[in-house]
Amino acid sequence: MVDVMFAPEEVTNTVKDIVEAILQQDEYDVNRVSKWQEMIVEDVMRKLASQKKPFKYMITASIMQKSGAGLHVACSANCDQADGISMTRVDARSMICIVVVIGSSLSGL
């Protein structure tokens, strides 16, 4: 019996709120991308950890300038029933941000 399941919809909403707050109306600036990524990953981790759910989280954030070039992202994991993945795309003014969150349940350990 699984006590708590990973909820990708909730995670997606959290990620969207955080990314939109950080990137707001900023224009793409290659010199700021690393800082934005760091802020996004840390804020998402802080928010998810504050929920005190029995998960370990792995989070990645990719930011690409909107230039008409293609962007292809894939993610795969071998998960248990309670685990899950959330892949969220947020379009800002001049950039695209993709955040992947993998939640691995601690309840089976």
N, C-alpha and C. Protein backbone atom coordinates (compact mmCIF):
# COMPACT_ATOMS: atom_id res chain seq x y z
N MET A 1 0.84 -1.19 0.00
CA MET A 1 0.00 0.00 0.00
C MET A 1 0.88 1.24 0.00
N VAL A 2 0.61 2.16 -0.91
CA VAL A 2 1.40 3.38 -1.05
C VAL A 2 0.72 4.49 -0.26
N ASP A 3 1.46 5.11 0.68
CA ASP A 3 0.89 6.17 1.50
C ASP A 3 0.75 7.47 0.73
N VAL A 4 1.84 7.91 0.12
CA VAL A 4 1.86 9.19 -0.58
C VAL A 4 2.42 8.96 -1.97
N MET A 5 1.68 9.45 -2.97
CA MET A 5 2.13 9.32 -4.35
C MET A 5 2.67 10.67 -4.82
N PHE A 6 3.63 10.62 -5.72
CA PHE A 6 4.15 11.83 -6.36
C PHE A 6 3.02 12.45 -7.17
N ALA A 7 2.81 13.74 -7.03
CA ALA A 7 1.71 14.44 -7.71
C ALA A 7 2.28 15.40 -8.75
N PRO A 8 2.45 14.94 -10.00
CA PRO A 8 3.08 15.79 -11.02
C PRO A 8 2.33 17.10 -11.28
N GLU A 9 1.01 17.10 -11.17
CA GLU A 9 0.25 18.33 -11.42
C GLU A 9 0.59 19.41 -10.39
N GLU A 10 0.69 19.00 -9.13
CA GLU A 10 1.06 19.95 -8.07
C GLU A 10 2.47 20.48 -8.28
N VAL A 11 3.37 19.59 -8.64
CA VAL A 11 4.76 19.98 -8.87
C VAL A 11 4.83 20.94 -10.05
N THR A 12 4.12 20.65 -11.12
CA THR A 12 4.10 21.53 -12.30
C THR A 12 3.61 22.92 -11.92
N ASN A 13 2.56 23.02 -11.13
CA ASN A 13 2.05 24.34 -10.71
C ASN A 13 3.08 25.08 -9.88
N THR A 14 3.75 24.37 -8.98
CA THR A 14 4.80 24.98 -8.15
C THR A 14 5.94 25.49 -9.03
N VAL A 15 6.38 24.67 -9.97
CA VAL A 15 7.48 25.05 -10.86
C VAL A 15 7.10 26.28 -11.68
N LYS A 16 5.91 26.28 -12.26
CA LYS A 16 5.48 27.42 -13.09
C LYS A 16 5.49 28.71 -12.28
N ASP A 17 4.95 28.67 -11.07
CA ASP A 17 4.92 29.87 -10.22
C ASP A 17 6.32 30.39 -9.94
N ILE A 18 7.23 29.49 -9.63
CA ILE A 18 8.61 29.88 -9.29
C ILE A 18 9.35 30.42 -10.51
N VAL A 19 9.26 29.72 -11.63
CA VAL A 19 9.96 30.17 -12.84
C VAL A 19 9.42 31.52 -13.30
N GLU A 20 8.11 31.69 -13.31
CA GLU A 20 7.54 32.98 -13.73
C GLU A 20 7.98 34.11 -12.81
N ALA A 21 8.05 33.84 -11.51
CA ALA A 21 8.49 34.88 -10.56
C ALA A 21 9.95 35.26 -10.78
N ILE A 22 10.79 34.28 -11.11
CA ILE A 22 12.22 34.56 -11.28
C ILE A 22 12.50 35.22 -12.62
N LEU A 23 11.93 34.68 -13.68
CA LEU A 23 12.24 35.22 -15.01
C LEU A 23 11.41 36.46 -15.36
N GLN A 24 10.22 36.57 -14.78
CA GLN A 24 9.32 37.70 -14.98
C GLN A 24 9.37 38.21 -16.40
N GLN A 25 9.75 39.44 -16.55
CA GLN A 25 9.79 40.06 -17.87
C GLN A 25 11.23 40.27 -18.35
N ASP A 26 12.17 39.53 -17.75
CA ASP A 26 13.58 39.68 -18.13
C ASP A 26 13.82 39.24 -19.57
N GLU A 27 14.77 39.88 -20.20
CA GLU A 27 15.24 39.46 -21.52
C GLU A 27 16.35 38.45 -21.32
N TYR A 28 16.51 37.56 -22.27
CA TYR A 28 17.57 36.56 -22.20
C TYR A 28 18.92 37.24 -22.10
N ASP A 29 19.73 36.78 -21.17
CA ASP A 29 21.08 37.30 -20.97
C ASP A 29 21.97 36.12 -20.58
N VAL A 30 22.83 35.72 -21.49
CA VAL A 30 23.67 34.55 -21.27
C VAL A 30 24.45 34.65 -19.96
N ASN A 31 24.78 35.86 -19.53
CA ASN A 31 25.54 36.06 -18.31
C ASN A 31 24.71 35.83 -17.05
N ARG A 32 23.40 35.77 -17.18
CA ARG A 32 22.52 35.58 -16.01
C ARG A 32 21.89 34.19 -15.95
N VAL A 33 22.06 33.40 -17.01
CA VAL A 33 21.39 32.09 -17.09
C VAL A 33 21.77 31.19 -15.93
N SER A 34 23.04 31.08 -15.61
CA SER A 34 23.49 30.20 -14.52
C SER A 34 22.84 30.59 -13.20
N LYS A 35 22.76 31.88 -12.94
CA LYS A 35 22.15 32.36 -11.70
C LYS A 35 20.65 32.04 -11.68
N TRP A 36 19.97 32.26 -12.80
CA TRP A 36 18.54 31.94 -12.88
C TRP A 36 18.32 30.45 -12.63
N GLN A 37 19.14 29.60 -13.27
CA GLN A 37 19.00 28.16 -13.08
C GLN A 37 19.19 27.78 -11.62
N GLU A 38 20.22 28.34 -11.01
CA GLU A 38 20.49 28.06 -9.60
C GLU A 38 19.31 28.49 -8.72
N MET A 39 18.77 29.66 -8.97
CA MET A 39 17.63 30.16 -8.20
C MET A 39 16.40 29.26 -8.38
N ILE A 40 16.13 28.87 -9.61
CA ILE A 40 14.96 28.03 -9.90
C ILE A 40 15.08 26.69 -9.17
N VAL A 41 16.22 26.02 -9.33
CA VAL A 41 16.41 24.71 -8.72
C VAL A 41 16.33 24.81 -7.20
N GLU A 42 16.99 25.80 -6.62
CA GLU A 42 16.97 25.95 -5.16
C GLU A 42 15.58 26.29 -4.64
N ASP A 43 14.87 27.17 -5.32
CA ASP A 43 13.52 27.55 -4.87
C ASP A 43 12.53 26.40 -4.99
N VAL A 44 12.62 25.66 -6.09
CA VAL A 44 11.74 24.49 -6.24
C VAL A 44 12.05 23.47 -5.16
N MET A 45 13.33 23.19 -4.92
CA MET A 45 13.71 22.23 -3.89
C MET A 45 13.22 22.69 -2.52
N ARG A 46 13.40 23.96 -2.21
CA ARG A 46 12.98 24.50 -0.91
C ARG A 46 11.46 24.34 -0.74
N LYS A 47 10.70 24.66 -1.78
CA LYS A 47 9.25 24.57 -1.71
C LYS A 47 8.80 23.12 -1.54
N LEU A 48 9.36 22.21 -2.32
CA LEU A 48 8.97 20.81 -2.22
C LEU A 48 9.38 20.22 -0.87
N ALA A 49 10.57 20.54 -0.40
CA ALA A 49 11.04 20.02 0.90
C ALA A 49 10.18 20.54 2.04
N SER A 50 9.67 21.78 1.92
CA SER A 50 8.85 22.36 2.98
C SER A 50 7.51 21.64 3.14
N GLN A 51 7.11 20.87 2.13
CA GLN A 51 5.86 20.12 2.20
C GLN A 51 6.00 18.85 3.05
N LYS A 52 7.23 18.50 3.41
CA LYS A 52 7.51 17.37 4.30
C LYS A 52 6.93 16.05 3.79
N LYS A 53 6.90 15.87 2.48
CA LYS A 53 6.45 14.61 1.91
C LYS A 53 7.65 13.65 1.85
N PRO A 54 7.41 12.34 1.95
CA PRO A 54 8.51 11.37 2.01
C PRO A 54 9.13 11.07 0.64
N PHE A 55 9.79 12.09 0.09
CA PHE A 55 10.43 11.93 -1.22
C PHE A 55 11.83 12.51 -1.21
N LYS A 56 12.70 11.93 -2.02
CA LYS A 56 13.95 12.56 -2.41
C LYS A 56 13.65 13.19 -3.76
N TYR A 57 14.19 14.39 -4.00
CA TYR A 57 13.94 15.08 -5.27
C TYR A 57 15.23 15.31 -6.02
N MET A 58 15.16 15.16 -7.33
CA MET A 58 16.24 15.52 -8.24
C MET A 58 15.64 16.53 -9.20
N ILE A 59 16.30 17.66 -9.36
CA ILE A 59 15.73 18.76 -10.16
C ILE A 59 16.78 19.28 -11.14
N THR A 60 16.36 19.48 -12.39
CA THR A 60 17.21 20.12 -13.38
C THR A 60 16.44 21.29 -13.99
N ALA A 61 17.16 22.30 -14.41
CA ALA A 61 16.55 23.45 -15.08
C ALA A 61 17.40 23.81 -16.29
N SER A 62 16.76 23.92 -17.44
CA SER A 62 17.43 24.32 -18.67
C SER A 62 16.78 25.59 -19.17
N ILE A 63 17.59 26.54 -19.59
CA ILE A 63 17.08 27.79 -20.15
C ILE A 63 17.71 28.00 -21.51
N MET A 64 16.85 28.29 -22.49
CA MET A 64 17.32 28.50 -23.86
C MET A 64 16.71 29.78 -24.40
N GLN A 65 17.50 30.52 -25.12
CA GLN A 65 17.01 31.73 -25.77
C GLN A 65 16.04 31.34 -26.89
N LYS A 66 14.94 32.09 -27.00
CA LYS A 66 14.02 31.89 -28.12
C LYS A 66 14.67 32.47 -29.37
N SER A 67 15.04 31.57 -30.29
CA SER A 67 15.69 32.05 -31.50
C SER A 67 15.18 31.32 -32.73
N GLY A 68 14.18 30.48 -32.54
CA GLY A 68 13.65 29.71 -33.64
C GLY A 68 14.30 28.35 -33.80
N ALA A 69 15.35 28.10 -33.03
CA ALA A 69 16.02 26.80 -33.08
C ALA A 69 15.18 25.78 -32.33
N GLY A 70 15.33 24.53 -32.69
CA GLY A 70 14.59 23.47 -32.03
C GLY A 70 15.17 23.13 -30.67
N LEU A 71 14.30 22.69 -29.79
CA LEU A 71 14.72 22.23 -28.47
C LEU A 71 13.98 20.92 -28.21
N HIS A 72 14.73 19.86 -27.99
CA HIS A 72 14.15 18.56 -27.73
C HIS A 72 14.66 18.08 -26.38
N VAL A 73 13.73 17.70 -25.51
CA VAL A 73 14.09 17.24 -24.18
C VAL A 73 13.39 15.92 -23.93
N ALA A 74 14.10 14.96 -23.39
CA ALA A 74 13.51 13.67 -23.03
C ALA A 74 14.01 13.29 -21.64
N CYS A 75 13.17 12.59 -20.92
CA CYS A 75 13.52 12.15 -19.57
C CYS A 75 12.90 10.79 -19.34
N SER A 76 13.62 9.92 -18.69
CA SER A 76 13.11 8.58 -18.40
C SER A 76 13.64 8.15 -17.04
N ALA A 77 12.84 7.37 -16.35
CA ALA A 77 13.27 6.83 -15.06
C ALA A 77 12.54 5.51 -14.81
N ASN A 78 13.19 4.63 -14.11
CA ASN A 78 12.57 3.37 -13.70
C ASN A 78 12.03 3.61 -12.30
N CYS A 79 10.71 3.79 -12.20
CA CYS A 79 10.10 4.24 -10.95
C CYS A 79 9.25 3.17 -10.30
N ASP A 80 9.11 3.28 -9.00
CA ASP A 80 8.13 2.49 -8.26
C ASP A 80 6.78 3.21 -8.37
N GLN A 81 5.75 2.59 -7.84
CA GLN A 81 4.39 3.12 -7.97
C GLN A 81 4.24 4.53 -7.38
N ALA A 82 4.91 4.83 -6.28
CA ALA A 82 4.76 6.13 -5.63
C ALA A 82 5.65 7.21 -6.24
N ASP A 83 6.66 6.81 -7.01
CA ASP A 83 7.60 7.76 -7.61
C ASP A 83 6.97 8.47 -8.80
N GLY A 84 7.64 9.50 -9.29
CA GLY A 84 7.12 10.16 -10.48
C GLY A 84 8.06 11.20 -11.05
N ILE A 85 7.66 11.71 -12.21
CA ILE A 85 8.43 12.71 -12.93
C ILE A 85 7.48 13.82 -13.35
N SER A 86 7.97 15.04 -13.25
CA SER A 86 7.24 16.20 -13.77
C SER A 86 8.19 16.96 -14.68
N MET A 87 7.78 17.16 -15.92
CA MET A 87 8.56 17.98 -16.85
C MET A 87 7.70 19.19 -17.21
N THR A 88 8.19 20.37 -16.89
CA THR A 88 7.42 21.59 -17.05
C THR A 88 8.13 22.56 -17.98
N ARG A 89 7.40 23.06 -18.96
CA ARG A 89 7.93 24.06 -19.88
C ARG A 89 7.26 25.40 -19.55
N VAL A 90 8.09 26.43 -19.41
CA VAL A 90 7.58 27.77 -19.17
C VAL A 90 8.16 28.69 -20.24
N ASP A 91 7.29 29.37 -20.97
CA ASP A 91 7.72 30.32 -21.99
C ASP A 91 7.75 31.71 -21.40
N ALA A 92 8.91 32.31 -21.40
CA ALA A 92 9.06 33.70 -20.97
C ALA A 92 9.18 34.56 -22.24
N ARG A 93 9.40 35.84 -22.06
CA ARG A 93 9.45 36.76 -23.21
C ARG A 93 10.43 36.33 -24.28
N SER A 94 11.65 36.11 -23.90
CA SER A 94 12.68 35.82 -24.90
C SER A 94 13.42 34.52 -24.63
N MET A 95 12.82 33.66 -23.78
CA MET A 95 13.48 32.40 -23.45
C MET A 95 12.47 31.33 -23.09
N ILE A 96 12.95 30.11 -23.12
CA ILE A 96 12.16 28.95 -22.73
C ILE A 96 12.90 28.28 -21.57
N CYS A 97 12.14 27.88 -20.57
CA CYS A 97 12.73 27.19 -19.43
C CYS A 97 12.05 25.82 -19.29
N ILE A 98 12.85 24.79 -19.20
CA ILE A 98 12.37 23.43 -18.98
C ILE A 98 12.90 22.96 -17.62
N VAL A 99 11.97 22.57 -16.74
CA VAL A 99 12.36 22.08 -15.42
C VAL A 99 11.87 20.64 -15.28
N VAL A 100 12.78 19.76 -14.91
CA VAL A 100 12.43 18.36 -14.68
C VAL A 100 12.60 18.08 -13.18
N VAL A 101 11.55 17.52 -12.59
CA VAL A 101 11.60 17.12 -11.18
C VAL A 101 11.30 15.63 -11.12
N ILE A 102 12.20 14.89 -10.50
CA ILE A 102 11.99 13.46 -10.26
C ILE A 102 11.81 13.29 -8.76
N GLY A 103 10.72 12.66 -8.38
CA GLY A 103 10.44 12.39 -6.97
C GLY A 103 10.56 10.90 -6.70
N SER A 104 11.45 10.53 -5.80
CA SER A 104 11.67 9.13 -5.44
C SER A 104 11.19 8.91 -4.01
N SER A 105 10.20 8.04 -3.86
CA SER A 105 9.57 7.82 -2.57
C SER A 105 10.53 7.19 -1.55
N LEU A 106 10.44 7.67 -0.33
CA LEU A 106 11.23 7.11 0.77
C LEU A 106 10.44 6.06 1.53
N SER A 107 9.16 5.91 1.23
CA SER A 107 8.30 5.03 2.02
C SER A 107 8.66 3.56 1.89
N GLY A 108 9.31 3.19 0.81
CA GLY A 108 9.69 1.79 0.63
C GLY A 108 11.05 1.44 1.20
N LEU A 109 11.74 2.43 1.76
CA LEU A 109 13.10 2.19 2.27
C LEU A 109 13.09 1.70 3.69
